[in-house]
N, C-alpha and C. Protein backbone atom coordinates (compact mmCIF):
# COMPACT_ATOMS: atom_id res chain seq x y z
N UNK A 1 74.14 114.27 198.71
CA UNK A 1 75.18 114.55 197.45
C UNK A 1 75.88 113.14 197.19
N UNK A 2 76.15 112.47 198.37
CA UNK A 2 76.83 111.21 198.01
C UNK A 2 76.05 110.35 197.05
N UNK A 3 74.62 110.19 197.21
CA UNK A 3 73.79 109.44 196.40
C UNK A 3 74.07 109.68 194.91
N UNK A 4 74.11 111.13 194.69
CA UNK A 4 74.36 111.41 193.31
C UNK A 4 75.70 110.85 192.64
N UNK A 5 76.70 110.78 193.42
CA UNK A 5 78.06 110.42 193.01
C UNK A 5 77.84 108.87 192.77
N UNK A 6 77.20 108.21 193.49
CA UNK A 6 76.96 106.63 193.41
C UNK A 6 76.26 106.38 192.17
N UNK A 7 74.92 107.20 191.94
CA UNK A 7 74.26 107.08 190.80
C UNK A 7 74.98 107.23 189.36
N UNK A 8 76.00 108.34 189.56
CA UNK A 8 76.78 108.51 188.30
C UNK A 8 77.76 107.46 187.93
N UNK A 9 78.42 106.85 189.14
CA UNK A 9 79.40 105.70 188.98
C UNK A 9 78.65 104.40 188.43
N UNK A 10 77.38 104.21 189.09
CA UNK A 10 76.49 103.19 188.54
C UNK A 10 76.41 103.24 186.79
N UNK A 11 75.96 104.39 186.34
CA UNK A 11 75.71 104.66 184.99
C UNK A 11 77.07 104.47 184.12
N UNK A 12 78.15 104.83 184.84
CA UNK A 12 79.37 104.66 184.08
C UNK A 12 79.69 103.14 184.02
N UNK A 13 79.38 102.32 185.06
CA UNK A 13 79.68 101.21 184.96
C UNK A 13 78.88 100.29 184.19
N UNK A 14 77.49 100.72 183.97
CA UNK A 14 76.57 99.91 182.97
C UNK A 14 76.98 100.33 181.36
N UNK A 15 77.93 101.22 181.00
CA UNK A 15 78.22 101.37 179.86
C UNK A 15 79.53 100.86 179.47
N UNK A 16 80.04 99.85 180.07
CA UNK A 16 81.41 99.17 179.66
C UNK A 16 81.38 98.74 178.44
N UNK A 17 82.88 98.38 177.91
CA UNK A 17 83.04 98.13 176.49
C UNK A 17 83.00 99.40 175.71
N UNK A 18 82.72 99.21 174.49
CA UNK A 18 82.75 100.30 173.55
C UNK A 18 81.40 101.09 173.91
N UNK A 19 81.71 102.38 173.86
CA UNK A 19 80.56 103.29 174.29
C UNK A 19 80.80 104.55 173.42
N UNK A 20 79.57 105.19 172.87
CA UNK A 20 79.58 106.36 172.27
C UNK A 20 79.45 107.41 173.36
N UNK A 21 80.40 108.27 173.36
CA UNK A 21 80.62 109.38 174.32
C UNK A 21 80.99 110.62 173.86
N UNK A 22 80.50 111.77 174.43
CA UNK A 22 80.96 113.06 174.13
C UNK A 22 80.72 114.09 175.15
N UNK A 23 81.61 115.11 175.05
CA UNK A 23 81.45 116.20 176.19
C UNK A 23 80.46 117.14 175.67
N UNK A 24 79.63 117.82 176.57
CA UNK A 24 78.49 118.89 176.18
C UNK A 24 78.67 119.94 177.17
N UNK A 25 78.20 120.87 176.60
CA UNK A 25 78.13 122.34 177.61
C UNK A 25 76.81 122.99 177.16
N UNK A 26 76.13 123.56 178.20
CA UNK A 26 74.60 123.90 177.78
C UNK A 26 74.46 125.11 178.82
N UNK A 27 73.54 125.83 178.32
CA UNK A 27 72.86 127.06 179.20
C UNK A 27 71.33 126.96 179.21
N UNK A 28 70.74 127.11 180.51
CA UNK A 28 69.17 126.83 180.51
C UNK A 28 68.74 128.29 181.18
N UNK A 29 68.00 128.81 180.33
CA UNK A 29 67.30 130.20 180.71
C UNK A 29 66.13 129.94 181.21
N UNK A 30 65.81 130.43 182.44
CA UNK A 30 64.57 130.37 183.17
C UNK A 30 64.48 131.37 184.39
N UNK A 31 63.66 131.17 185.31
CA UNK A 31 63.70 132.32 186.41
C UNK A 31 64.65 131.59 187.38
N UNK A 32 65.16 130.55 187.35
CA UNK A 32 66.38 129.88 188.02
C UNK A 32 67.23 129.29 186.98
N UNK A 33 68.08 130.20 186.14
CA UNK A 33 68.92 129.59 185.26
C UNK A 33 70.07 129.17 185.58
N UNK A 34 70.82 128.14 184.74
CA UNK A 34 71.88 127.71 185.15
C UNK A 34 72.58 127.19 183.90
N UNK A 35 73.89 126.86 184.14
CA UNK A 35 74.92 126.33 183.02
C UNK A 35 75.25 125.03 183.48
N UNK A 36 75.55 124.07 182.50
CA UNK A 36 75.82 122.76 182.78
C UNK A 36 76.81 122.10 181.91
N UNK A 37 77.68 121.29 182.29
CA UNK A 37 78.50 120.38 181.55
C UNK A 37 77.84 118.77 181.63
N UNK A 38 78.30 118.17 180.73
CA UNK A 38 77.85 116.47 180.85
C UNK A 38 78.77 116.05 179.96
N UNK A 39 78.73 114.54 180.18
CA UNK A 39 79.37 113.70 179.18
C UNK A 39 78.53 112.43 179.08
N UNK A 40 78.02 112.39 177.64
CA UNK A 40 77.19 111.45 177.25
C UNK A 40 78.00 109.99 177.24
N UNK A 41 77.35 109.06 177.65
CA UNK A 41 77.65 107.65 177.61
C UNK A 41 76.40 106.74 177.02
N UNK A 42 76.26 106.43 175.55
CA UNK A 42 75.28 105.95 175.17
C UNK A 42 74.15 106.63 175.43
N UNK A 43 73.03 106.08 176.21
CA UNK A 43 71.92 106.69 176.36
C UNK A 43 71.93 107.41 178.01
N UNK A 44 73.11 107.24 178.53
CA UNK A 44 73.11 108.02 180.04
C UNK A 44 73.93 109.18 179.76
N UNK A 45 73.47 110.16 180.47
CA UNK A 45 74.43 111.45 180.61
C UNK A 45 74.43 112.16 182.05
N UNK A 46 75.29 111.97 182.80
CA UNK A 46 75.38 112.81 184.08
C UNK A 46 75.55 114.17 183.83
N UNK A 47 74.98 115.02 184.50
CA UNK A 47 74.94 116.31 184.19
C UNK A 47 75.18 117.11 185.60
N UNK A 48 76.31 117.91 185.37
CA UNK A 48 76.66 118.68 186.47
C UNK A 48 76.16 120.42 186.15
N UNK A 49 75.49 120.84 187.12
CA UNK A 49 74.64 122.06 186.79
C UNK A 49 75.10 123.22 187.86
N UNK A 50 75.29 124.42 187.47
CA UNK A 50 75.56 125.47 188.43
C UNK A 50 74.63 126.53 188.10
N UNK A 51 74.09 127.18 189.05
CA UNK A 51 73.11 128.41 188.92
C UNK A 51 73.83 129.50 188.62
N UNK A 52 73.28 130.44 187.62
CA UNK A 52 73.99 131.60 187.31
C UNK A 52 72.94 132.84 187.60
N UNK A 53 73.32 133.95 187.34
CA UNK A 53 72.80 135.23 187.68
C UNK A 53 72.27 135.38 189.14
N UNK A 54 73.16 134.88 189.91
CA UNK A 54 72.82 134.82 191.45
C UNK A 54 74.06 135.48 192.08
N UNK A 55 73.77 135.89 193.41
CA UNK A 55 74.87 136.12 194.41
C UNK A 55 75.58 134.87 194.82
N UNK A 56 76.93 135.01 195.10
CA UNK A 56 77.67 133.91 195.37
C UNK A 56 76.94 132.94 196.51
N UNK A 57 76.52 133.83 197.44
CA UNK A 57 75.81 133.06 198.70
C UNK A 57 74.63 132.20 198.08
N UNK A 58 74.03 132.62 197.15
CA UNK A 58 72.93 131.90 196.61
C UNK A 58 73.22 130.93 195.68
N UNK A 59 74.42 130.45 195.15
CA UNK A 59 74.96 129.69 194.30
C UNK A 59 74.53 128.32 194.68
N UNK A 60 73.93 127.57 193.70
CA UNK A 60 73.44 126.32 193.87
C UNK A 60 73.89 125.44 192.78
N UNK A 61 74.42 124.06 193.19
CA UNK A 61 74.82 123.15 192.17
C UNK A 61 73.81 121.89 192.16
N UNK A 62 73.60 121.34 191.08
CA UNK A 62 72.94 120.13 190.81
C UNK A 62 73.64 119.11 190.15
N UNK A 63 73.56 117.92 190.47
CA UNK A 63 74.02 116.75 189.91
C UNK A 63 73.13 115.88 189.51
N UNK A 64 72.65 115.66 188.16
CA UNK A 64 71.60 114.78 187.71
C UNK A 64 72.21 113.51 186.96
N UNK A 65 71.53 112.61 186.86
CA UNK A 65 71.98 111.29 186.02
C UNK A 65 70.58 111.17 185.09
N UNK A 66 70.72 111.66 183.97
CA UNK A 66 69.80 111.43 182.98
C UNK A 66 69.82 110.20 181.87
N UNK A 67 68.58 109.84 181.54
CA UNK A 67 68.55 108.58 180.75
C UNK A 67 67.66 109.15 179.54
N UNK A 68 68.31 108.91 178.33
CA UNK A 68 67.71 109.19 177.09
C UNK A 68 66.76 108.15 176.51
N UNK A 69 65.37 108.11 176.89
CA UNK A 69 64.61 107.16 176.45
C UNK A 69 64.16 107.17 174.96
N UNK A 70 64.33 108.45 174.27
CA UNK A 70 64.30 108.35 172.91
C UNK A 70 65.60 108.96 172.51
N UNK A 71 66.31 108.38 171.63
CA UNK A 71 67.83 108.74 171.30
C UNK A 71 67.96 108.74 169.86
N UNK A 72 67.70 109.64 169.09
CA UNK A 72 67.97 109.82 167.70
C UNK A 72 69.28 110.72 167.44
N UNK A 73 69.75 110.78 166.18
CA UNK A 73 70.78 111.54 165.85
C UNK A 73 70.62 112.89 165.95
N UNK A 74 69.17 113.36 165.52
CA UNK A 74 68.82 114.83 165.47
C UNK A 74 68.18 115.26 166.82
N UNK A 75 67.71 114.32 167.62
CA UNK A 75 66.98 114.70 168.75
C UNK A 75 66.96 113.78 169.76
N UNK A 76 66.71 113.99 171.12
CA UNK A 76 66.54 113.11 172.05
C UNK A 76 65.61 113.50 173.29
N UNK A 77 64.94 112.70 173.89
CA UNK A 77 64.23 113.01 175.02
C UNK A 77 64.73 112.17 176.29
N UNK A 78 64.81 112.80 177.35
CA UNK A 78 65.35 112.32 178.50
C UNK A 78 64.61 112.47 179.73
N UNK A 79 64.93 111.76 180.79
CA UNK A 79 64.34 112.02 182.06
C UNK A 79 65.36 111.54 183.14
N UNK A 80 65.49 112.04 184.27
CA UNK A 80 66.44 111.74 185.26
C UNK A 80 65.95 111.97 186.56
N UNK A 81 67.15 111.88 187.50
CA UNK A 81 67.14 111.97 188.95
C UNK A 81 68.32 112.61 189.43
N UNK A 82 68.15 113.57 190.35
CA UNK A 82 69.32 114.14 190.74
C UNK A 82 69.43 114.75 192.06
N UNK A 83 70.17 115.56 192.45
CA UNK A 83 70.14 116.30 193.79
C UNK A 83 70.67 117.80 193.50
N UNK A 84 69.78 118.52 194.33
CA UNK A 84 70.28 119.96 194.24
C UNK A 84 70.86 120.44 195.75
N UNK A 85 71.81 121.32 195.68
CA UNK A 85 72.39 121.78 197.09
C UNK A 85 71.70 123.30 197.23
N UNK A 86 72.02 123.89 198.46
CA UNK A 86 71.76 125.25 198.74
C UNK A 86 70.08 125.65 198.46
N UNK A 87 69.95 126.47 197.47
CA UNK A 87 68.45 127.02 197.45
C UNK A 87 67.59 125.95 196.68
N UNK A 88 66.42 125.70 197.38
CA UNK A 88 65.63 124.63 196.77
C UNK A 88 66.34 123.18 196.95
N UNK A 89 67.03 123.17 198.01
CA UNK A 89 67.70 121.68 198.21
C UNK A 89 66.93 120.75 198.24
N UNK A 90 67.38 119.54 197.67
CA UNK A 90 66.59 118.28 197.55
C UNK A 90 66.69 117.58 196.21
N UNK A 91 65.80 116.64 196.03
CA UNK A 91 65.88 115.88 194.84
C UNK A 91 65.54 116.61 193.70
N UNK A 92 65.96 116.36 192.39
CA UNK A 92 65.52 116.89 191.11
C UNK A 92 65.04 115.98 190.20
N UNK A 93 64.04 116.13 189.70
CA UNK A 93 63.50 115.09 188.65
C UNK A 93 63.32 115.98 187.24
N UNK A 94 64.27 115.88 186.43
CA UNK A 94 64.04 116.69 185.12
C UNK A 94 63.48 115.71 184.09
N UNK A 95 62.83 116.34 183.11
CA UNK A 95 62.19 115.75 181.76
C UNK A 95 62.47 116.75 180.87
N UNK A 96 63.14 116.34 179.81
CA UNK A 96 63.57 117.31 178.57
C UNK A 96 63.53 116.70 177.29
N UNK A 97 63.80 117.73 176.30
CA UNK A 97 63.93 117.44 174.64
C UNK A 97 64.96 118.43 174.39
N UNK A 98 66.13 117.59 173.65
CA UNK A 98 66.93 118.63 173.04
C UNK A 98 66.92 118.15 171.46
N UNK A 99 67.15 119.14 170.52
CA UNK A 99 67.02 119.02 169.23
C UNK A 99 68.30 119.71 168.57
N UNK A 100 68.83 118.88 167.56
CA UNK A 100 70.12 119.17 166.87
C UNK A 100 69.57 119.48 165.34
N UNK A 101 69.17 120.67 164.91
CA UNK A 101 68.51 120.93 163.65
C UNK A 101 69.57 121.04 162.36
N UNK A 102 70.79 121.17 162.76
CA UNK A 102 71.75 121.47 161.91
C UNK A 102 72.33 120.29 161.25
N UNK A 103 72.97 120.39 160.07
CA UNK A 103 73.61 119.17 159.54
C UNK A 103 74.82 118.47 160.41
N UNK A 104 75.58 119.24 161.10
CA UNK A 104 76.88 118.76 161.81
C UNK A 104 76.24 118.18 163.19
N UNK A 105 75.02 118.51 163.69
CA UNK A 105 74.53 117.92 164.91
C UNK A 105 75.55 118.34 166.11
N UNK A 106 76.20 119.48 166.05
CA UNK A 106 77.03 120.02 167.24
C UNK A 106 76.25 121.10 168.06
N UNK A 107 75.37 121.62 167.40
CA UNK A 107 74.77 122.87 168.25
C UNK A 107 73.27 122.67 168.15
N UNK A 108 72.58 122.71 169.27
CA UNK A 108 71.24 122.53 169.59
C UNK A 108 70.53 123.20 170.52
N UNK A 109 69.21 123.03 170.33
CA UNK A 109 68.29 123.58 171.40
C UNK A 109 67.69 122.71 172.44
N UNK A 110 67.39 123.12 173.55
CA UNK A 110 66.70 122.16 174.44
C UNK A 110 65.45 122.92 175.33
N UNK A 111 64.65 122.17 175.81
CA UNK A 111 63.69 122.66 176.76
C UNK A 111 63.47 121.61 177.63
N UNK A 112 63.32 121.95 179.05
CA UNK A 112 63.17 121.07 180.20
C UNK A 112 62.27 121.58 181.12
N UNK A 113 61.54 120.49 181.69
CA UNK A 113 60.71 120.88 182.97
C UNK A 113 61.12 119.77 183.97
N UNK A 114 61.47 120.47 185.34
CA UNK A 114 61.89 119.89 186.26
C UNK A 114 61.42 120.24 187.66
N UNK A 115 61.10 119.34 188.42
CA UNK A 115 60.65 119.53 189.78
C UNK A 115 62.00 119.57 190.67
N UNK A 116 62.28 120.57 191.40
CA UNK A 116 63.48 120.83 192.25
C UNK A 116 62.97 120.86 193.68
N UNK A 117 63.85 120.49 194.63
CA UNK A 117 63.65 120.58 196.04
C UNK A 117 62.85 119.56 196.48
N UNK A 118 62.59 118.25 195.82
CA UNK A 118 61.81 117.22 196.37
C UNK A 118 62.27 116.88 197.75
N UNK A 119 61.67 116.65 198.82
CA UNK A 119 61.97 116.26 200.07
C UNK A 119 62.11 117.40 200.94
N UNK A 120 61.89 118.75 200.40
CA UNK A 120 61.89 120.03 201.16
C UNK A 120 60.50 120.35 201.40
N UNK A 121 60.31 121.34 202.14
CA UNK A 121 58.83 121.68 202.37
C UNK A 121 58.20 122.22 201.23
N UNK A 122 58.99 122.86 200.27
CA UNK A 122 58.26 123.92 199.36
C UNK A 122 59.10 123.43 198.02
N UNK A 123 58.88 122.36 197.30
CA UNK A 123 59.46 122.04 196.03
C UNK A 123 58.94 122.94 195.12
N UNK A 124 59.63 123.08 193.80
CA UNK A 124 59.38 124.08 192.80
C UNK A 124 59.28 123.51 191.65
N UNK A 125 58.53 124.00 190.59
CA UNK A 125 58.52 123.58 189.26
C UNK A 125 59.31 124.42 188.37
N UNK A 126 60.38 124.14 187.63
CA UNK A 126 61.13 124.89 186.72
C UNK A 126 61.15 124.49 185.33
N UNK A 127 60.73 125.50 184.61
CA UNK A 127 60.74 125.31 183.22
C UNK A 127 61.89 126.08 182.52
N UNK A 128 62.70 125.49 181.66
CA UNK A 128 63.79 126.02 181.14
C UNK A 128 64.12 125.73 179.57
N UNK A 129 64.61 126.59 178.88
CA UNK A 129 65.02 126.56 177.65
C UNK A 129 66.43 126.91 177.41
N UNK A 130 66.98 126.48 176.30
CA UNK A 130 68.34 126.90 175.94
C UNK A 130 68.90 126.43 174.99
N UNK A 131 70.57 126.49 175.00
CA UNK A 131 71.31 125.97 173.92
C UNK A 131 72.24 124.90 174.29
N UNK A 132 72.59 124.05 173.47
CA UNK A 132 73.44 123.11 173.75
C UNK A 132 74.65 122.84 172.72
N UNK A 133 75.89 122.77 173.20
CA UNK A 133 76.94 122.41 172.23
C UNK A 133 77.66 121.05 172.70
N UNK A 134 77.90 120.35 171.54
CA UNK A 134 78.48 118.98 171.59
C UNK A 134 79.85 119.13 171.14
N UNK A 135 80.74 118.56 171.77
CA UNK A 135 82.19 118.79 171.39
C UNK A 135 82.58 117.33 171.08
N UNK A 136 83.76 117.02 171.02
CA UNK A 136 84.46 115.71 170.30
C UNK A 136 83.58 114.57 170.49
N UNK A 137 83.03 114.05 169.38
CA UNK A 137 82.28 112.87 169.37
C UNK A 137 83.12 111.76 168.73
N UNK A 138 83.17 110.58 169.59
CA UNK A 138 83.84 109.43 169.11
C UNK A 138 83.49 108.32 169.77
N UNK A 139 84.15 107.27 169.50
CA UNK A 139 84.08 105.97 170.31
C UNK A 139 85.07 105.76 171.23
N UNK A 140 84.78 105.10 172.50
CA UNK A 140 85.83 104.79 173.51
C UNK A 140 86.43 103.42 173.22
C-alpha cells in the first residue's frame, strides 16, 4: 500500500505550477461494485475506491493512479496502476473511458476494464460501468 502513496505523491509533484484540477465522485456497477473519489490534476487522477454491496469483513479498498492518454472536454480515456487490499489483494491495472455528453460537462458515464489481484494466485478481470460527477472546476 505504501507504493500507492508514493505513486500518488509523484503524480502530484509532476503537476507543479498552474494545473487544471477538480474533485470527482463515481459509482462503478459490476459483480464487484465500488464507489470512488478522485481529484484530477491535468492528465493524472489518483482514485480512492471502496467496495460496496459487501459485508464489512469483505470491504476492500483500492488506490489507483490513472493517466488520461486521451483528454478532451467531452471525454477521456485512461489507464493506470494501483493496489487493492483484502479481497483480490494485489496490483490493479485499469483501462477506461469516461464520457460527459451534457453541455455543462459535470455529469458523465464511464466504463472500465481492470485486472485486479495481480501478484495473487488468482487474479480477476473486472468490467464495470457507471456514473461520474465532477465538482468545482478551476485553476490552482
